[in-house]
Protein backbone atom coordinates (compact mmCIF):
# COMPACT_ATOMS: atom_id res chain seq x y z
CA UNK A 1 41.88 -9.38 -16.63
CA UNK A 2 39.98 -6.04 -15.44
CA UNK A 3 39.41 -4.56 -12.18
CA UNK A 4 41.39 -5.33 -8.78
CA UNK A 5 40.07 -7.18 -6.03
CA UNK A 6 43.44 -7.94 -4.02
CA UNK A 7 47.00 -7.84 -4.14
CA UNK A 8 49.91 -10.09 -2.90
CA UNK A 9 53.52 -11.31 -2.78
CA UNK A 10 56.08 -13.78 -1.48
CA UNK A 11 57.97 -12.54 1.64
CA UNK A 12 60.64 -11.14 -0.59
CA UNK A 13 58.69 -9.67 -2.89
CA UNK A 14 60.21 -11.03 -5.91
CA UNK A 15 57.04 -12.53 -7.09
CA UNK A 16 53.79 -10.33 -6.71
CA UNK A 17 50.10 -11.00 -7.82
CA UNK A 18 46.91 -9.23 -8.40
CA UNK A 19 43.35 -10.95 -8.31
CA UNK A 20 41.12 -9.11 -10.19
CA UNK A 21 37.93 -10.68 -8.76
CA UNK A 22 36.69 -12.08 -5.54
CA UNK A 23 37.37 -16.12 -5.13
CA UNK A 24 35.42 -18.77 -6.62
CA UNK A 25 35.70 -20.68 -3.47
CA UNK A 26 37.72 -20.81 -0.22
CA UNK A 27 38.87 -23.89 1.25
CA UNK A 28 40.56 -25.08 4.10
CA UNK A 29 42.36 -28.48 3.51
CA UNK A 30 43.98 -30.71 6.14
CA UNK A 31 45.76 -33.07 3.70
CA UNK A 32 48.79 -34.26 4.89
CA UNK A 33 50.43 -32.83 1.75
CA UNK A 34 48.77 -29.64 2.53
CA UNK A 35 50.18 -29.69 6.19
CA UNK A 36 53.59 -30.42 5.00
CA UNK A 37 53.89 -27.53 2.79
CA UNK A 38 52.20 -25.10 5.20
CA UNK A 39 54.23 -26.22 8.32
CA UNK A 40 50.95 -26.15 10.03
CA UNK A 41 47.55 -28.44 10.53
CA UNK A 42 46.27 -26.93 7.48
CA UNK A 43 46.38 -24.51 4.12
CA UNK A 44 43.96 -22.10 3.38
CA UNK A 45 43.54 -21.60 -0.31
CA UNK A 46 41.09 -19.29 -2.12
CA UNK A 47 40.54 -20.62 -5.84
CA UNK A 48 40.00 -18.22 -8.83
CA UNK A 49 39.97 -18.39 -12.54
CA UNK A 50 43.35 -18.48 -13.77
CA UNK A 51 42.73 -15.50 -16.27
CA UNK A 52 41.79 -13.58 -12.91
CA UNK A 53 45.19 -13.65 -11.15
CA UNK A 54 47.99 -11.73 -12.97
CA UNK A 55 51.51 -12.60 -11.79
CA UNK A 56 54.82 -10.74 -12.19
CA UNK A 57 58.09 -12.78 -11.39
CA UNK A 58 58.93 -16.13 -11.80
CA UNK A 59 58.19 -19.04 -10.03
CA UNK A 60 59.27 -22.53 -9.49
CA UNK A 61 57.42 -25.56 -9.18
CA UNK A 62 57.14 -28.90 -7.80
CA UNK A 63 54.49 -31.55 -8.71
CA UNK A 64 53.03 -34.54 -7.23
CA UNK A 65 50.18 -37.17 -7.72
CA UNK A 66 47.15 -36.12 -5.46
CA UNK A 67 44.91 -39.06 -3.40
CA UNK A 68 42.57 -37.98 -6.28
CA UNK A 69 45.03 -39.15 -9.18
CA UNK A 70 45.29 -35.40 -10.45
CA UNK A 71 48.67 -33.87 -10.91
CA UNK A 72 49.25 -31.01 -8.55
CA UNK A 73 51.99 -28.45 -9.11
CA UNK A 74 52.88 -25.85 -6.48
CA UNK A 75 54.44 -22.67 -7.33
CA UNK A 76 56.90 -21.00 -4.67
CA UNK A 77 59.40 -18.25 -4.67
CA UNK A 78 63.03 -19.23 -5.83
CA UNK A 79 64.32 -16.99 -3.82
CA UNK A 80 62.37 -16.87 -0.11
CA UNK A 81 60.92 -20.27 -0.77
CA UNK A 82 57.42 -18.69 -0.06
CA UNK A 83 54.65 -20.88 -0.94
CA UNK A 84 52.02 -19.16 -3.47
CA UNK A 85 49.83 -21.33 -5.88
CA UNK A 86 48.83 -24.30 -6.71
CA UNK A 87 47.17 -25.73 -10.02
CA UNK A 88 45.51 -29.47 -10.70
CA UNK A 89 44.80 -31.51 -13.62
CA UNK A 90 41.60 -31.83 -11.95
CA UNK A 91 40.53 -28.18 -12.23
CA UNK A 92 41.85 -27.12 -15.48
CA UNK A 93 41.70 -23.22 -15.81
CA UNK A 94 41.57 -22.65 -11.79
CA UNK A 95 44.43 -21.64 -9.52
CA UNK A 96 44.51 -21.92 -5.96
CA UNK A 97 46.13 -19.04 -3.76
CA UNK A 98 47.40 -19.74 -0.56
CA UNK A 99 45.26 -16.96 1.60
CA UNK A 100 48.38 -15.59 3.73
CA UNK A 101 50.19 -14.25 0.50
CA UNK A 102 47.61 -11.71 0.01
CA UNK A 103 48.66 -8.35 1.45
CA UNK A 104 45.24 -7.91 3.02
CA UNK A 105 43.47 -11.32 3.87
CA UNK A 106 40.56 -10.47 5.90
CA UNK A 107 38.03 -11.42 3.25
CA UNK A 108 39.05 -15.10 3.63
CA UNK A 109 36.33 -16.96 4.86
CA UNK A 110 36.27 -20.85 4.32
CA UNK A 111 33.30 -22.25 2.58
CA UNK A 112 34.62 -25.90 3.07
CA UNK A 113 36.75 -28.09 5.06
CA UNK A 114 38.27 -30.79 3.07
CA UNK A 115 40.46 -33.97 4.37
CA UNK A 116 38.94 -33.30 7.76
CA UNK A 117 39.98 -36.89 8.69
CA UNK A 118 43.78 -35.90 8.74
CA UNK A 119 43.09 -32.79 10.93
CA UNK A 120 45.58 -32.76 13.91
CA UNK A 121 43.65 -32.16 17.44
CA UNK A 122 45.63 -29.33 18.00
CA UNK A 123 44.40 -27.49 14.62
CA UNK A 124 40.94 -25.79 15.30
CA UNK A 125 38.88 -25.11 12.52
CA UNK A 126 35.57 -23.86 11.82
CA UNK A 127 32.64 -26.53 11.78
CA UNK A 128 30.12 -23.84 10.48
CA UNK A 129 30.88 -24.94 6.88
CA UNK A 130 30.64 -28.34 5.20
CA UNK A 131 33.09 -30.42 6.31
CA UNK A 132 34.18 -33.67 4.39
CA UNK A 133 36.46 -36.31 5.23
CA UNK A 134 38.37 -36.20 1.72
CA UNK A 135 37.25 -34.36 -1.06
CA UNK A 136 33.76 -33.51 -1.65
CA UNK A 137 31.40 -35.51 -4.00
CA UNK A 138 31.30 -33.80 -7.54
CA UNK A 139 28.62 -31.44 -8.05
């Protein structure tokens, strides 16, 4: 890992991380799983190459099978419970980092909105980017 794009941490500071590069993609997800883990109507996720994120501290994990059939493993701080990262078998070598865990996340600007079909009416999000009712078609 070379360079430094942004730093972040969990609420208590037991887990810290540094991104060496800007994200590959910024996603706003409205799936019901993301709603449950965020306690809101969506989760804002920045995707990076796994090698571009350096993590200090131990995380606990919880894995589920997504609608896609892929295994999704979410990482959180075992002390404060902050949701931090996710990895999926559908995108090996890629890690999703929740935007709110960065010390400064003013750079976050969603490239795409997914699972719009599950978006609550009260959760207003941008319509200025591609929006998909589920996952976008493979590219």
